[in-house]
């Protein structure tokens, strides 16, 4: 039985230039991501190697997420009210300027950890603004039936960047000063903004009746989510999974440094192997497309993660650890591409920004909460124990979402209201 979830604007189906527009957009975002990830790895490793403290990693995580948490809901409203392309440009410019200031401080010898944390917070605000706008803009230029393929391609490009950036970041940290990485990020952000200014985007859809203020918009978006059972199921899954995946996402560099050695190449290998697996998973998703019920593809990825992350926590051999890391990367596009496409398909276009804003809010709230719990515990016990316990529990939300009904079978009460 076929289920039609598409809510994408009809004009993208008739635009023969959508492939060129998509390539331009993805190129711009790839450049932006390249610089951002280069800085992110440099900061994580700088904090890890200079402090070797789970508590300091917790602080680094909090300043990277909490500002994004605060801004996410408003950013979703902005993405539905204002030009999404210009919001992305503004977010890139904010992160570039803050990083440039940090680079000059470091260049002149002021290299305090707290300054890194402040700039990380500003960069987090930019990410919070950019995320909903990026996911909401894509359906404006990509035909609905091509969204899964484009998101899968994007899920292949992203881990490729994440392979290159830790290698380059590690090499630069070994051979040059940290501020060089900051300057590279400023350059890539400028190039990304330049490409994005060339993109012509169709007008974004607007609600028939515009609420009077931002909080009215926000309330309308929350009501829409609250009355859509499929979105509620997906966001409930996000909350549990993001919490349980926190140790694997943030504490594995600490695990590597404590268990296998403090060399930068080991931290680099820890990241590179994961994203090598993600590239393979992205290619697989590009050709396969996942199950017609996207909940099943997401759930499958979670169950595979649960098994493989347990292996990460149990092994004492670094080579075997890296093999598990490759396997752990494969399900990442199953989760990312399917979740983003599902929301793009079943959410009204004029609600895309707010829904993706709430999605970002969940990640920005739950993962710092996870670090508040697991970071201090990591200073009192081994990361391996934390990883095994959380990974085993991760199978529970994975199995639940796998057996959830097809999203199209879950009545959207909001859209059935009279006069809607």
Protein backbone atom coordinates (compact mmCIF):
# COMPACT_ATOMS: atom_id res chain seq x y z
CA UNK A 1 0.00 0.00 0.00
CA UNK A 2 1.42 3.38 -0.99
CA UNK A 3 1.23 6.33 1.37
CA UNK A 4 1.57 9.90 0.14
CA UNK A 5 3.09 12.21 2.72
CA UNK A 6 4.31 14.95 0.42
CA UNK A 7 3.62 18.51 1.54
CA UNK A 8 6.33 20.10 -0.60
CA UNK A 9 5.60 23.15 -2.77
CA UNK A 10 4.36 22.23 -6.22
CA UNK A 11 6.56 24.77 -8.01
CA UNK A 12 9.72 22.74 -7.27
CA UNK A 13 8.29 19.85 -9.32
CA UNK A 14 8.21 21.98 -12.48
CA UNK A 15 11.53 23.79 -12.09
CA UNK A 16 14.04 22.26 -14.54
CA UNK A 17 16.88 24.04 -12.71
CA UNK A 18 16.31 22.31 -9.39
CA UNK A 19 19.39 20.10 -9.78
CA UNK A 20 21.68 23.10 -10.32
CA UNK A 21 20.07 24.95 -7.43
CA UNK A 22 20.44 21.93 -5.17
CA UNK A 23 24.10 21.52 -6.13
CA UNK A 24 24.76 25.20 -5.41
CA UNK A 25 22.98 25.02 -2.07
CA UNK A 26 24.71 21.82 -0.96
CA UNK A 27 28.09 23.22 -2.05
CA UNK A 28 27.51 26.32 0.05
CA UNK A 29 26.47 24.32 3.10
CA UNK A 30 29.36 21.89 2.65
CA UNK A 31 31.86 24.75 2.71
CA UNK A 32 30.22 26.18 5.81
CA UNK A 33 30.22 22.79 7.49
CA UNK A 34 33.86 22.16 6.56
CA UNK A 35 35.06 25.25 8.40
CA UNK A 36 32.74 24.71 11.36
CA UNK A 37 33.79 21.09 11.86
CA UNK A 38 37.47 22.02 11.55
CA UNK A 39 37.03 24.45 14.45
CA UNK A 40 34.82 22.07 16.44
CA UNK A 41 37.38 19.26 16.36
CA UNK A 42 40.19 21.64 17.20
CA UNK A 43 38.28 22.94 20.23
CA UNK A 44 37.28 19.46 21.47
CA UNK A 45 40.80 18.13 21.18
CA UNK A 46 42.34 21.27 22.66
CA UNK A 47 40.08 20.94 25.73
CA UNK A 48 40.61 17.15 25.91
CA UNK A 49 44.39 17.25 25.69
CA UNK A 50 44.92 20.29 27.92
CA UNK A 51 42.51 19.24 30.69
CA UNK A 52 41.71 15.49 30.34
CA UNK A 53 38.63 16.27 32.38
CA UNK A 54 35.12 14.94 31.89
CA UNK A 55 33.79 18.00 33.71
CA UNK A 56 35.57 20.39 31.31
CA UNK A 57 34.20 18.42 28.36
CA UNK A 58 30.79 18.82 29.97
CA UNK A 59 31.25 22.60 30.09
CA UNK A 60 32.41 22.60 26.45
CA UNK A 61 29.30 20.62 25.49
CA UNK A 62 26.95 22.89 27.45
CA UNK A 63 28.26 26.11 25.91
CA UNK A 64 27.94 24.48 22.50
CA UNK A 65 24.31 23.49 23.04
CA UNK A 66 22.58 25.75 25.56
CA UNK A 67 22.59 28.92 23.40
CA UNK A 68 21.22 26.83 20.56
CA UNK A 69 18.56 25.57 22.95
CA UNK A 70 17.46 29.11 23.79
CA UNK A 71 17.38 30.30 20.19
CA UNK A 72 15.91 27.20 18.48
CA UNK A 73 12.21 27.91 18.99
CA UNK A 74 12.51 31.51 17.88
CA UNK A 75 14.73 30.45 14.96
CA UNK A 76 11.96 28.14 13.75
CA UNK A 77 9.48 31.02 13.79
CA UNK A 78 11.98 33.23 11.96
CA UNK A 79 12.47 30.53 9.31
CA UNK A 80 8.72 30.51 8.63
CA UNK A 81 8.32 34.31 8.74
CA UNK A 82 11.45 35.59 6.99
CA UNK A 83 13.62 34.79 3.98
CA UNK A 84 15.34 31.52 4.84
CA UNK A 85 18.29 32.15 2.55
CA UNK A 86 19.11 35.43 4.27
CA UNK A 87 18.77 33.79 7.69
CA UNK A 88 21.38 31.20 6.69
CA UNK A 89 23.68 33.96 5.43
CA UNK A 90 23.24 35.92 8.67
CA UNK A 91 24.00 32.83 10.78
CA UNK A 92 27.17 32.10 8.79
CA UNK A 93 28.27 35.71 9.15
CA UNK A 94 27.71 35.65 12.94
CA UNK A 95 29.86 32.55 13.42
CA UNK A 96 32.57 33.86 11.08
CA UNK A 97 32.88 37.21 12.89
CA UNK A 98 33.01 35.60 16.34
CA UNK A 99 35.65 33.12 15.19
CA UNK A 100 37.68 35.95 13.64
CA UNK A 101 37.70 37.78 16.97
CA UNK A 102 38.83 34.60 18.75
CA UNK A 103 41.61 34.11 16.19
CA UNK A 104 43.01 37.57 16.86
CA UNK A 105 42.93 37.02 20.64
CA UNK A 106 44.89 33.79 20.20
CA UNK A 107 47.24 35.41 17.72
CA UNK A 108 48.22 38.03 20.31
CA UNK A 109 48.73 35.48 23.08
CA UNK A 110 45.43 35.57 25.00
CA UNK A 111 44.43 31.89 24.97
CA UNK A 112 42.21 31.32 27.99
CA UNK A 113 39.78 28.37 27.91
CA UNK A 114 36.86 30.60 28.96
CA UNK A 115 37.27 32.66 25.79
CA UNK A 116 36.91 29.53 23.68
CA UNK A 117 33.74 28.72 25.60
CA UNK A 118 32.28 32.21 24.96
CA UNK A 119 32.90 32.00 21.22
CA UNK A 120 31.55 28.43 21.16
CA UNK A 121 28.35 29.83 22.65
CA UNK A 122 28.06 32.49 19.94
CA UNK A 123 28.71 29.86 17.27
CA UNK A 124 25.96 27.77 18.88
CA UNK A 125 23.51 30.66 18.39
CA UNK A 126 24.44 30.75 14.70
CA UNK A 127 23.90 27.00 14.40
CA UNK A 128 20.52 27.31 16.12
CA UNK A 129 19.40 29.92 13.59
CA UNK A 130 20.84 28.09 10.61
CA UNK A 131 19.55 24.56 11.27
CA UNK A 132 15.77 25.08 10.90
CA UNK A 133 16.29 27.44 7.95
CA UNK A 134 18.45 24.92 6.05
CA UNK A 135 16.04 22.00 6.49
CA UNK A 136 13.03 24.20 5.70
CA UNK A 137 14.60 25.74 2.59
CA UNK A 138 15.52 22.46 0.90
CA UNK A 139 11.92 21.46 0.02
CA UNK A 140 11.55 24.84 -1.71
CA UNK A 141 14.11 23.86 -4.35
CA UNK A 142 13.89 20.03 -4.40
CA UNK A 143 10.86 18.16 -5.81
CA UNK A 144 9.07 16.16 -3.11
CA UNK A 145 9.77 12.78 -4.70
CA UNK A 146 13.51 13.56 -4.77
CA UNK A 147 13.89 14.67 -1.15
CA UNK A 148 14.99 11.26 0.16
CA UNK A 149 17.68 10.94 -2.49
CA UNK A 150 18.97 14.49 -1.92
CA UNK A 151 18.99 14.04 1.86
CA UNK A 152 20.82 10.73 1.41
CA UNK A 153 23.40 12.42 -0.83
CA UNK A 154 23.79 15.11 1.80
CA UNK A 155 24.22 12.36 4.40
CA UNK A 156 27.10 11.06 2.27
CA UNK A 157 28.75 14.46 1.82
CA UNK A 158 28.63 15.31 5.52
CA UNK A 159 30.61 12.30 6.79
CA UNK A 160 33.13 12.80 3.97
CA UNK A 161 33.72 16.30 5.34
CA UNK A 162 33.90 14.83 8.82
CA UNK A 163 36.65 12.49 7.66
CA UNK A 164 38.70 15.25 6.07
CA UNK A 165 38.28 17.77 8.90
CA UNK A 166 39.62 15.70 11.83
CA UNK A 167 42.61 14.60 9.75
CA UNK A 168 43.33 18.18 8.68
CA UNK A 169 42.58 19.53 12.15
CA UNK A 170 44.92 17.00 13.75
CA UNK A 171 47.66 17.81 11.25
CA UNK A 172 47.26 21.55 11.78
CA UNK A 173 47.29 21.16 15.57
CA UNK A 174 50.53 19.20 15.27
CA UNK A 175 52.23 21.57 12.82
CA UNK A 176 50.74 25.03 13.35
CA UNK A 177 49.00 27.25 15.86
CA UNK A 178 45.33 26.87 16.74
CA UNK A 179 44.38 30.29 15.35
CA UNK A 180 45.23 29.13 11.81
CA UNK A 181 42.22 26.81 12.00
CA UNK A 182 40.08 29.73 13.11
CA UNK A 183 41.16 31.78 10.08
CA UNK A 184 40.35 28.88 7.73
CA UNK A 185 36.81 28.78 9.16
CA UNK A 186 36.37 32.49 8.46
CA UNK A 187 37.48 31.97 4.85
CA UNK A 188 35.14 29.04 4.21
CA UNK A 189 32.22 30.94 5.75
CA UNK A 190 32.88 33.86 3.39
CA UNK A 191 32.95 31.50 0.39
CA UNK A 192 29.75 29.80 1.54
CA UNK A 193 27.98 33.14 1.85
CA UNK A 194 29.19 34.11 -1.63
CA UNK A 195 27.74 30.95 -3.19
CA UNK A 196 24.46 31.29 -1.34
CA UNK A 197 23.93 34.82 -2.63
CA UNK A 198 23.84 33.33 -6.16
CA UNK A 199 20.96 30.97 -5.31
CA UNK A 200 17.49 31.96 -6.51
CA UNK A 201 14.90 30.44 -4.19
CA UNK A 202 11.14 30.28 -4.94
CA UNK A 203 8.95 32.23 -2.53
CA UNK A 204 8.36 30.27 0.64
CA UNK A 205 4.80 29.27 1.54
CA UNK A 206 2.90 31.32 4.08
CA UNK A 207 -0.08 30.39 6.24
CA UNK A 208 -3.42 31.68 5.01
CA UNK A 209 -3.95 33.53 8.28
CA UNK A 210 -0.83 35.08 9.79
CA UNK A 211 -0.78 35.31 13.62
CA UNK A 212 -0.05 38.76 14.97
CA UNK A 213 3.21 38.11 16.83
CA UNK A 214 6.12 35.72 17.24
CA UNK A 215 4.56 34.01 20.23
CA UNK A 216 1.35 33.47 18.26
CA UNK A 217 3.42 31.82 15.54
CA UNK A 218 5.23 29.76 18.13
CA UNK A 219 1.98 28.68 19.77
CA UNK A 220 0.54 27.68 16.39
CA UNK A 221 3.60 25.57 15.66
CA UNK A 222 3.48 23.81 19.03
CA UNK A 223 -0.23 23.12 18.57
CA UNK A 224 0.46 21.66 15.14
CA UNK A 225 3.10 19.31 16.60
CA UNK A 226 0.93 18.42 19.58
CA UNK A 227 -1.94 17.25 17.37
CA UNK A 228 0.21 15.29 14.90
CA UNK A 229 0.73 11.80 16.31
CA UNK A 230 3.52 10.85 13.93
CA UNK A 231 5.59 13.94 14.78
CA UNK A 232 5.00 13.35 18.50
CA UNK A 233 6.18 9.74 18.13
CA UNK A 234 9.31 10.82 16.26
CA UNK A 235 10.16 13.57 18.77
CA UNK A 236 9.62 11.18 21.71
CA UNK A 237 12.07 8.80 20.06
CA UNK A 238 14.52 11.68 19.57
CA UNK A 239 14.41 12.59 23.26
CA UNK A 240 15.28 9.11 24.53
CA UNK A 241 17.82 8.32 21.81
CA UNK A 242 19.68 11.64 21.99
CA UNK A 243 20.09 11.17 25.75
CA UNK A 244 21.39 7.61 25.46
CA UNK A 245 23.72 8.36 22.54
CA UNK A 246 25.44 11.19 24.46
CA UNK A 247 28.32 9.05 25.84
CA UNK A 248 29.11 7.66 22.37
CA UNK A 249 28.91 11.13 20.84
CA UNK A 250 30.99 13.08 23.37
CA UNK A 251 32.95 10.78 25.66
CA UNK A 252 34.72 8.49 23.18
CA UNK A 253 37.68 10.93 22.80
CA UNK A 254 38.11 10.67 26.57
CA UNK A 255 37.81 6.88 26.35
CA UNK A 256 40.53 6.77 23.68
CA UNK A 257 42.87 9.09 25.59
CA UNK A 258 42.50 7.13 28.83
CA UNK A 259 42.50 3.60 27.45
CA UNK A 260 44.61 3.58 24.30
CA UNK A 261 46.81 6.69 24.42
CA UNK A 262 46.81 10.48 24.21
CA UNK A 263 48.30 10.82 20.71
CA UNK A 264 46.42 13.11 18.37
CA UNK A 265 46.43 10.45 15.65
CA UNK A 266 44.34 8.17 17.88
CA UNK A 267 41.74 10.91 18.39
CA UNK A 268 41.79 11.48 14.63
CA UNK A 269 41.31 7.78 13.90
CA UNK A 270 38.41 7.69 16.38
CA UNK A 271 36.52 10.25 14.26
CA UNK A 272 37.68 9.20 10.79
CA UNK A 273 36.60 5.57 11.11
CA UNK A 274 33.11 6.51 12.27
CA UNK A 275 32.54 8.82 9.34
CA UNK A 276 34.05 6.35 6.87
CA UNK A 277 31.22 4.04 7.88
CA UNK A 278 28.76 6.93 7.50
CA UNK A 279 29.90 7.48 3.90
CA UNK A 280 29.14 3.85 3.11
CA UNK A 281 25.77 4.17 4.86
CA UNK A 282 24.98 7.34 2.89
CA UNK A 283 25.77 5.62 -0.41
CA UNK A 284 23.58 2.69 0.63
CA UNK A 285 20.70 5.03 1.49
CA UNK A 286 21.09 6.93 -1.80
CA UNK A 287 20.47 3.76 -3.81
CA UNK A 288 18.14 1.93 -1.40
CA UNK A 289 16.04 4.79 -0.06
CA UNK A 290 15.08 2.91 3.10
CA UNK A 291 11.76 1.28 3.98
CA UNK A 292 8.55 2.95 2.80
CA UNK A 293 7.74 3.34 6.49
CA UNK A 294 10.59 5.65 7.47
CA UNK A 295 10.08 4.79 11.13
CA UNK A 296 11.43 1.32 10.34
CA UNK A 297 14.62 2.67 8.77
CA UNK A 298 15.20 4.92 11.79
CA UNK A 299 14.52 2.08 14.22
CA UNK A 300 16.86 -0.28 12.36
CA UNK A 301 19.65 2.26 12.67
CA UNK A 302 19.10 2.55 16.43
CA UNK A 303 19.19 -1.21 17.02
CA UNK A 304 22.41 -1.54 15.02
CA UNK A 305 23.88 1.33 17.04
CA UNK A 306 22.92 -0.41 20.29
CA UNK A 307 24.79 -3.58 19.32
CA UNK A 308 27.88 -1.88 17.91
CA UNK A 309 28.29 0.70 20.71
CA UNK A 310 28.26 -2.13 23.26
CA UNK A 311 31.17 -3.62 21.31
CA UNK A 312 32.97 -0.28 21.54
CA UNK A 313 32.68 -0.35 25.31
CA UNK A 314 33.83 -3.94 25.70
CA UNK A 315 36.91 -4.07 23.47
CA UNK A 316 40.41 -3.42 24.84
CA UNK A 317 42.12 -3.62 21.43
CA UNK A 318 42.42 -0.34 19.52
CA UNK A 319 42.27 -1.97 16.07
CA UNK A 320 39.06 -3.79 16.98
CA UNK A 321 37.75 -0.56 18.51
CA UNK A 322 38.26 1.20 15.15
CA UNK A 323 36.47 -1.63 13.31
CA UNK A 324 33.49 -1.15 15.61
CA UNK A 325 33.67 2.59 14.89
CA UNK A 326 33.37 1.93 11.15
CA UNK A 327 30.32 -0.25 11.78
CA UNK A 328 28.85 2.40 14.10
CA UNK A 329 28.98 4.98 11.32
CA UNK A 330 26.91 3.00 8.81
CA UNK A 331 23.48 3.57 10.48
CA UNK A 332 23.98 7.35 10.82
CA UNK A 333 22.42 8.20 7.40
CA UNK A 334 19.59 5.73 8.13
CA UNK A 335 18.68 8.00 11.02
CA UNK A 336 19.51 11.44 9.60
CA UNK A 337 18.20 11.17 6.04
CA UNK A 338 15.04 9.33 7.04
CA UNK A 339 14.13 11.67 9.92
CA UNK A 340 14.72 14.88 7.95
CA UNK A 341 12.88 13.56 4.86
CA UNK A 342 9.96 12.33 6.97
CA UNK A 343 9.46 15.77 8.50
CA UNK A 344 9.88 17.52 5.15
CA UNK A 345 7.25 15.20 3.64
CA UNK A 346 4.53 15.19 6.28
CA UNK A 347 4.77 18.73 7.70
CA UNK A 348 2.98 21.67 6.06
CA UNK A 349 5.56 23.82 4.22
CA UNK A 350 4.56 26.92 6.17
CA UNK A 351 5.30 24.97 9.40
CA UNK A 352 8.69 23.55 8.38
CA UNK A 353 10.77 26.13 10.24
CA UNK A 354 8.92 25.74 13.53
CA UNK A 355 8.92 21.94 13.43
CA UNK A 356 12.63 21.78 12.63
CA UNK A 357 13.18 24.40 15.33
CA UNK A 358 11.56 22.11 17.91
CA UNK A 359 13.63 19.20 16.59
CA UNK A 360 16.75 21.27 17.16
CA UNK A 361 15.47 22.26 20.58
CA UNK A 362 15.19 18.60 21.61
CA UNK A 363 18.78 17.88 20.62
CA UNK A 364 20.02 21.08 22.23
CA UNK A 365 18.26 20.25 25.50
CA UNK A 366 18.65 16.50 25.83
CA UNK A 367 22.32 16.07 24.91
CA UNK A 368 23.60 18.74 27.35
CA UNK A 369 21.39 17.09 29.98
CA UNK A 370 23.10 13.84 29.09
CA UNK A 371 26.52 15.43 29.56
CA UNK A 372 25.44 16.91 32.90
CA UNK A 373 24.70 13.34 33.96
CA UNK A 374 27.43 11.36 32.21
CA UNK A 375 30.32 13.87 32.27
CA UNK A 376 30.78 13.88 36.06
CA UNK A 377 30.16 10.11 36.15
CA UNK A 378 33.01 9.72 33.64
CA UNK A 379 35.36 11.31 36.20
CA UNK A 380 34.29 8.71 38.78
CA UNK A 381 34.16 5.56 36.66
CA UNK A 382 35.24 4.24 33.26
CA UNK A 383 33.66 5.53 30.08
CA UNK A 384 33.36 1.91 28.92
CA UNK A 385 30.81 1.07 31.62
CA UNK A 386 28.72 4.14 30.76
CA UNK A 387 28.88 3.30 27.05
CA UNK A 388 27.80 -0.34 27.48
CA UNK A 389 24.82 0.47 29.72
CA UNK A 390 23.51 3.37 27.60
CA UNK A 391 24.02 1.51 24.33
CA UNK A 392 22.10 -1.54 25.51
CA UNK A 393 19.21 0.70 26.58
CA UNK A 394 19.26 2.42 23.16
CA UNK A 395 17.68 -0.67 21.60
CA UNK A 396 14.41 0.03 23.46
CA UNK A 397 13.37 3.27 21.65
CA UNK A 398 14.76 1.76 18.42
CA UNK A 399 12.47 -1.27 18.61
CA UNK A 400 9.52 0.93 19.65
CA UNK A 401 9.85 3.30 16.67
CA UNK A 402 10.47 0.38 14.29
CA UNK A 403 7.08 -1.13 15.10
CA UNK A 404 5.28 2.23 15.12
CA UNK A 405 2.51 2.58 12.56
CA UNK A 406 3.26 4.18 9.20
CA UNK A 407 3.13 8.00 9.62
CA UNK A 408 0.42 8.29 6.97
CA UNK A 409 -1.83 6.01 9.05
CA UNK A 410 -1.59 8.26 12.10
CA UNK A 411 -4.37 10.80 11.85
CA UNK A 412 -3.25 14.42 11.77
CA UNK A 413 -6.01 15.94 13.86
CA UNK A 414 -4.67 19.47 13.31
CA UNK A 415 -5.24 19.29 9.55
CA UNK A 416 -8.75 17.84 10.04
CA UNK A 417 -10.02 20.81 12.01
CA UNK A 418 -12.90 22.69 10.34
CA UNK A 419 -11.81 25.61 8.25
CA UNK A 420 -8.15 24.57 8.11
